[in-house]
């Protein structure tokens, strides 16, 4: 597993254009929210008394991966992602409705369209073409940029 600084550096090299950055600041949260919604529609019964949705399983695995990369940033990711997941769960549960399915499609497709429009202006392929692990670094990149913009933390690469 590459160090966080190395992965962030690869991601930052692919994202220098202002338009591309803006499309990522909007598109990545849209994609994450939509995925949390859709994975909420699938759950596992545990001893017939409890259900856990795939969105919470995937979120837990992702956050654990973030803790292996960088603990302080993972804590910030938890502070942002857990309420995000609760909102997605609230909209998506208990099953797909016309509203939630439409919202999923708009956010998911819109988010990916924004990603590719941004990379058109960047004139580079998305970072995940280099390594699929970059799909998990994208949300951290947006979080790092937000923390730096607020003056909370600086992640110099």
C-alpha atoms as a PDB file:
ATOM      1  CA  UNK A   1       0.000   0.000   0.000  1.00  0.00           C
ATOM      2  CA  UNK A   2       1.442   3.362  -1.008  1.00  0.00           C
ATOM      3  CA  UNK A   3       1.867   6.024   1.617  1.00  0.00           C
ATOM      4  CA  UNK A   4      -0.853   8.631   1.830  1.00  0.00           C
ATOM      5  CA  UNK A   5       1.493  11.428   0.751  1.00  0.00           C
ATOM      6  CA  UNK A   6       2.425   9.505  -2.401  1.00  0.00           C
ATOM      7  CA  UNK A   7      -1.198   8.816  -3.292  1.00  0.00           C
ATOM      8  CA  UNK A   8      -2.232  12.410  -2.609  1.00  0.00           C
ATOM      9  CA  UNK A   9       0.664  13.657  -4.739  1.00  0.00           C
ATOM     10  CA  UNK A  10      -0.431  11.481  -7.675  1.00  0.00           C
ATOM     11  CA  UNK A  11      -3.973  12.777  -7.286  1.00  0.00           C
ATOM     12  CA  UNK A  12      -2.871  16.417  -7.017  1.00  0.00           C
ATOM     13  CA  UNK A  13      -0.764  16.125 -10.171  1.00  0.00           C
ATOM     14  CA  UNK A  14      -3.893  15.113 -12.080  1.00  0.00           C
ATOM     15  CA  UNK A  15      -5.955  17.992 -10.664  1.00  0.00           C
ATOM     16  CA  UNK A  16      -4.415  21.418 -11.194  1.00  0.00           C
ATOM     17  CA  UNK A  17      -6.954  23.202 -13.404  1.00  0.00           C
ATOM     18  CA  UNK A  18      -9.377  25.457 -11.465  1.00  0.00           C
ATOM     19  CA  UNK A  19     -12.414  24.231 -13.421  1.00  0.00           C
ATOM     20  CA  UNK A  20     -11.426  20.614 -12.840  1.00  0.00           C
ATOM     21  CA  UNK A  21     -11.024  21.280  -9.120  1.00  0.00           C
ATOM     22  CA  UNK A  22     -14.437  22.941  -8.933  1.00  0.00           C
ATOM     23  CA  UNK A  23     -16.125  20.066 -10.749  1.00  0.00           C
ATOM     24  CA  UNK A  24     -14.492  17.639  -8.303  1.00  0.00           C
ATOM     25  CA  UNK A  25     -15.602  19.638  -5.254  1.00  0.00           C
ATOM     26  CA  UNK A  26     -19.188  19.229  -6.446  1.00  0.00           C
ATOM     27  CA  UNK A  27     -19.050  15.911  -8.299  1.00  0.00           C
ATOM     28  CA  UNK A  28     -17.278  13.735  -5.730  1.00  0.00           C
ATOM     29  CA  UNK A  29     -19.736  14.458  -2.883  1.00  0.00           C
ATOM     30  CA  UNK A  30     -22.624  13.855  -5.319  1.00  0.00           C
ATOM     31  CA  UNK A  31     -21.211  10.468  -6.303  1.00  0.00           C
ATOM     32  CA  UNK A  32     -20.527   9.473  -2.692  1.00  0.00           C
ATOM     33  CA  UNK A  33     -24.025  10.470  -1.567  1.00  0.00           C
ATOM     34  CA  UNK A  34     -25.625   8.581  -4.456  1.00  0.00           C
ATOM     35  CA  UNK A  35     -23.591   5.441  -3.718  1.00  0.00           C
ATOM     36  CA  UNK A  36     -24.500   5.611  -0.043  1.00  0.00           C
ATOM     37  CA  UNK A  37     -28.144   5.790  -1.124  1.00  0.00           C
ATOM     38  CA  UNK A  38     -28.037   2.874  -3.558  1.00  0.00           C
ATOM     39  CA  UNK A  39     -26.071   0.594  -1.226  1.00  0.00           C
ATOM     40  CA  UNK A  40     -28.593   1.376   1.482  1.00  0.00           C
ATOM     41  CA  UNK A  41     -31.194  -0.507  -0.542  1.00  0.00           C
ATOM     42  CA  UNK A  42     -29.255  -3.744   0.001  1.00  0.00           C
ATOM     43  CA  UNK A  43     -28.891  -5.084   3.526  1.00  0.00           C
ATOM     44  CA  UNK A  44     -27.867  -8.170   5.431  1.00  0.00           C
ATOM     45  CA  UNK A  45     -30.024  -9.730   8.146  1.00  0.00           C
ATOM     46  CA  UNK A  46     -28.067 -10.649  11.242  1.00  0.00           C
ATOM     47  CA  UNK A  47     -29.739 -13.327  13.373  1.00  0.00           C
ATOM     48  CA  UNK A  48     -33.118 -12.131  12.020  1.00  0.00           C
ATOM     49  CA  UNK A  49     -33.099  -9.351  14.614  1.00  0.00           C
ATOM     50  CA  UNK A  50     -30.883  -6.772  13.009  1.00  0.00           C
ATOM     51  CA  UNK A  51     -30.197  -5.443   9.547  1.00  0.00           C
ATOM     52  CA  UNK A  52     -27.093  -3.708   8.338  1.00  0.00           C
ATOM     53  CA  UNK A  53     -26.991  -2.056   4.953  1.00  0.00           C
ATOM     54  CA  UNK A  54     -24.128  -2.398   2.518  1.00  0.00           C
ATOM     55  CA  UNK A  55     -23.643   1.369   2.645  1.00  0.00           C
ATOM     56  CA  UNK A  56     -22.590   1.125   6.303  1.00  0.00           C
ATOM     57  CA  UNK A  57     -20.362  -1.874   5.597  1.00  0.00           C
ATOM     58  CA  UNK A  58     -18.627  -0.109   2.694  1.00  0.00           C
ATOM     59  CA  UNK A  59     -18.349   3.126   4.660  1.00  0.00           C
ATOM     60  CA  UNK A  60     -16.747   1.281   7.580  1.00  0.00           C
ATOM     61  CA  UNK A  61     -14.235  -0.472   5.317  1.00  0.00           C
ATOM     62  CA  UNK A  62     -13.412   2.805   3.555  1.00  0.00           C
ATOM     63  CA  UNK A  63     -12.935   4.682   6.831  1.00  0.00           C
ATOM     64  CA  UNK A  64     -10.708   1.888   8.160  1.00  0.00           C
ATOM     65  CA  UNK A  65      -8.590   2.239   5.012  1.00  0.00           C
ATOM     66  CA  UNK A  66      -8.384   5.987   5.676  1.00  0.00           C
ATOM     67  CA  UNK A  67      -7.190   5.273   9.236  1.00  0.00           C
ATOM     68  CA  UNK A  68      -4.348   3.192   7.803  1.00  0.00           C
ATOM     69  CA  UNK A  69      -3.413   6.083   5.516  1.00  0.00           C
ATOM     70  CA  UNK A  70      -3.619   9.049   7.888  1.00  0.00           C
ATOM     71  CA  UNK A  71      -5.286   9.024  11.313  1.00  0.00           C
ATOM     72  CA  UNK A  72      -6.109  12.734  11.746  1.00  0.00           C
ATOM     73  CA  UNK A  73      -7.569  12.974   8.273  1.00  0.00           C
ATOM     74  CA  UNK A  74      -9.566   9.784   8.861  1.00  0.00           C
ATOM     75  CA  UNK A  75     -11.104  11.335  11.980  1.00  0.00           C
ATOM     76  CA  UNK A  76     -12.127  14.361   9.900  1.00  0.00           C
ATOM     77  CA  UNK A  77     -13.527  11.996   7.260  1.00  0.00           C
ATOM     78  CA  UNK A  78     -15.605  10.274   9.959  1.00  0.00           C
ATOM     79  CA  UNK A  79     -16.975  13.622  11.132  1.00  0.00           C
ATOM     80  CA  UNK A  80     -18.091  14.408   7.577  1.00  0.00           C
ATOM     81  CA  UNK A  81     -19.012  10.973   6.219  1.00  0.00           C
ATOM     82  CA  UNK A  82     -21.098   9.545   9.067  1.00  0.00           C
ATOM     83  CA  UNK A  83     -23.703  12.357   9.024  1.00  0.00           C
ATOM     84  CA  UNK A  84     -23.546  12.214   5.209  1.00  0.00           C
ATOM     85  CA  UNK A  85     -24.365   8.495   5.391  1.00  0.00           C
ATOM     86  CA  UNK A  86     -27.221   9.097   7.839  1.00  0.00           C
ATOM     87  CA  UNK A  87     -28.776  11.640   5.454  1.00  0.00           C
ATOM     88  CA  UNK A  88     -28.400   9.257   2.518  1.00  0.00           C
ATOM     89  CA  UNK A  89     -29.890   6.469   4.625  1.00  0.00           C
ATOM     90  CA  UNK A  90     -32.824   8.648   5.638  1.00  0.00           C
ATOM     91  CA  UNK A  91     -33.608   9.528   2.011  1.00  0.00           C
ATOM     92  CA  UNK A  92     -33.040   6.008   0.667  1.00  0.00           C
ATOM     93  CA  UNK A  93     -34.805   3.930   3.320  1.00  0.00           C
ATOM     94  CA  UNK A  94     -36.647   1.643   3.534  1.00  0.00           C
ATOM     95  CA  UNK A  95     -36.694   0.928  -0.193  1.00  0.00           C
ATOM     96  CA  UNK A  96     -36.316   2.856  -3.432  1.00  0.00           C
ATOM     97  CA  UNK A  97     -39.052   5.377  -4.074  1.00  0.00           C
ATOM     98  CA  UNK A  98     -39.578   7.417  -7.200  1.00  0.00           C
ATOM     99  CA  UNK A  99     -37.937  10.376  -5.467  1.00  0.00           C
ATOM    100  CA  UNK A 100     -34.926   8.475  -4.105  1.00  0.00           C
ATOM    101  CA  UNK A 101     -34.299   6.597  -7.366  1.00  0.00           C
ATOM    102  CA  UNK A 102     -34.509   9.832  -9.356  1.00  0.00           C
ATOM    103  CA  UNK A 103     -32.220  11.605  -6.906  1.00  0.00           C
ATOM    104  CA  UNK A 104     -29.738   8.720  -7.114  1.00  0.00           C
ATOM    105  CA  UNK A 105     -29.643   8.913 -10.918  1.00  0.00           C
ATOM    106  CA  UNK A 106     -29.278  12.694 -10.957  1.00  0.00           C
ATOM    107  CA  UNK A 107     -26.487  12.710  -8.369  1.00  0.00           C
ATOM    108  CA  UNK A 108     -24.617   9.688  -9.728  1.00  0.00           C
ATOM    109  CA  UNK A 109     -24.751  10.583 -13.411  1.00  0.00           C
ATOM    110  CA  UNK A 110     -24.367  14.301 -12.744  1.00  0.00           C
ATOM    111  CA  UNK A 111     -21.359  13.677 -10.508  1.00  0.00           C
ATOM    112  CA  UNK A 112     -19.594  11.551 -13.115  1.00  0.00           C
ATOM    113  CA  UNK A 113     -20.409  13.984 -15.910  1.00  0.00           C
ATOM    114  CA  UNK A 114     -18.849  16.755 -13.817  1.00  0.00           C
ATOM    115  CA  UNK A 115     -15.737  14.602 -13.283  1.00  0.00           C
ATOM    116  CA  UNK A 116     -15.220  14.037 -16.987  1.00  0.00           C
ATOM    117  CA  UNK A 117     -16.015  17.659 -17.909  1.00  0.00           C
ATOM    118  CA  UNK A 118     -13.364  18.723 -15.398  1.00  0.00           C
ATOM    119  CA  UNK A 119     -10.820  16.372 -16.916  1.00  0.00           C
ATOM    120  CA  UNK A 120     -11.645  17.716 -20.373  1.00  0.00           C
ATOM    121  CA  UNK A 121     -10.456  21.125 -19.136  1.00  0.00           C
ATOM    122  CA  UNK A 122      -7.515  19.523 -17.317  1.00  0.00           C
ATOM    123  CA  UNK A 123      -6.567  17.719 -20.540  1.00  0.00           C
ATOM    124  CA  UNK A 124      -5.585  14.655 -18.524  1.00  0.00           C
ATOM    125  CA  UNK A 125      -7.224  11.336 -17.896  1.00  0.00           C
ATOM    126  CA  UNK A 126      -8.786  10.809 -14.452  1.00  0.00           C
ATOM    127  CA  UNK A 127      -6.373   9.538 -11.798  1.00  0.00           C
ATOM    128  CA  UNK A 128      -8.294   6.287 -11.370  1.00  0.00           C
ATOM    129  CA  UNK A 129      -7.101   5.243 -14.841  1.00  0.00           C
ATOM    130  CA  UNK A 130      -3.629   5.033 -13.242  1.00  0.00           C
ATOM    131  CA  UNK A 131      -4.822   3.087 -10.200  1.00  0.00           C
ATOM    132  CA  UNK A 132      -8.291   2.188  -8.958  1.00  0.00           C
ATOM    133  CA  UNK A 133      -7.171   3.095  -5.430  1.00  0.00           C
ATOM    134  CA  UNK A 134      -7.376   6.714  -6.587  1.00  0.00           C
ATOM    135  CA  UNK A 135     -11.170   6.358  -6.416  1.00  0.00           C
ATOM    136  CA  UNK A 136     -10.773   6.182  -2.635  1.00  0.00           C
ATOM    137  CA  UNK A 137      -8.272   9.056  -2.571  1.00  0.00           C
ATOM    138  CA  UNK A 138     -10.655  11.441  -4.377  1.00  0.00           C
ATOM    139  CA  UNK A 139     -12.873  12.025  -1.329  1.00  0.00           C
ATOM    140  CA  UNK A 140      -9.788  12.577   0.846  1.00  0.00           C
ATOM    141  CA  UNK A 141      -8.443  15.036  -1.717  1.00  0.00           C
ATOM    142  CA  UNK A 142     -11.663  17.066  -1.497  1.00  0.00           C
ATOM    143  CA  UNK A 143     -11.482  16.900   2.308  1.00  0.00           C
ATOM    144  CA  UNK A 144      -7.830  18.022   2.297  1.00  0.00           C
ATOM    145  CA  UNK A 145      -8.696  20.933   0.011  1.00  0.00           C
ATOM    146  CA  UNK A 146     -11.607  21.941   2.278  1.00  0.00           C
ATOM    147  CA  UNK A 147      -9.450  21.752   5.428  1.00  0.00           C
ATOM    148  CA  UNK A 148      -6.742  23.830   3.771  1.00  0.00           C
ATOM    149  CA  UNK A 149      -9.280  26.403   2.533  1.00  0.00           C
ATOM    150  CA  UNK A 150     -10.622  26.753   6.090  1.00  0.00           C
ATOM    151  CA  UNK A 151      -7.088  27.080   7.461  1.00  0.00           C
ATOM    152  CA  UNK A 152      -7.555  24.024   9.682  1.00  0.00           C
ATOM    153  CA  UNK A 153      -4.735  21.889   8.304  1.00  0.00           C
ATOM    154  CA  UNK A 154      -2.050  21.975   5.651  1.00  0.00           C
ATOM    155  CA  UNK A 155      -1.090  18.863   3.722  1.00  0.00           C
ATOM    156  CA  UNK A 156       2.016  19.819   1.794  1.00  0.00           C
ATOM    157  CA  UNK A 157       3.104  17.250  -0.757  1.00  0.00           C
END
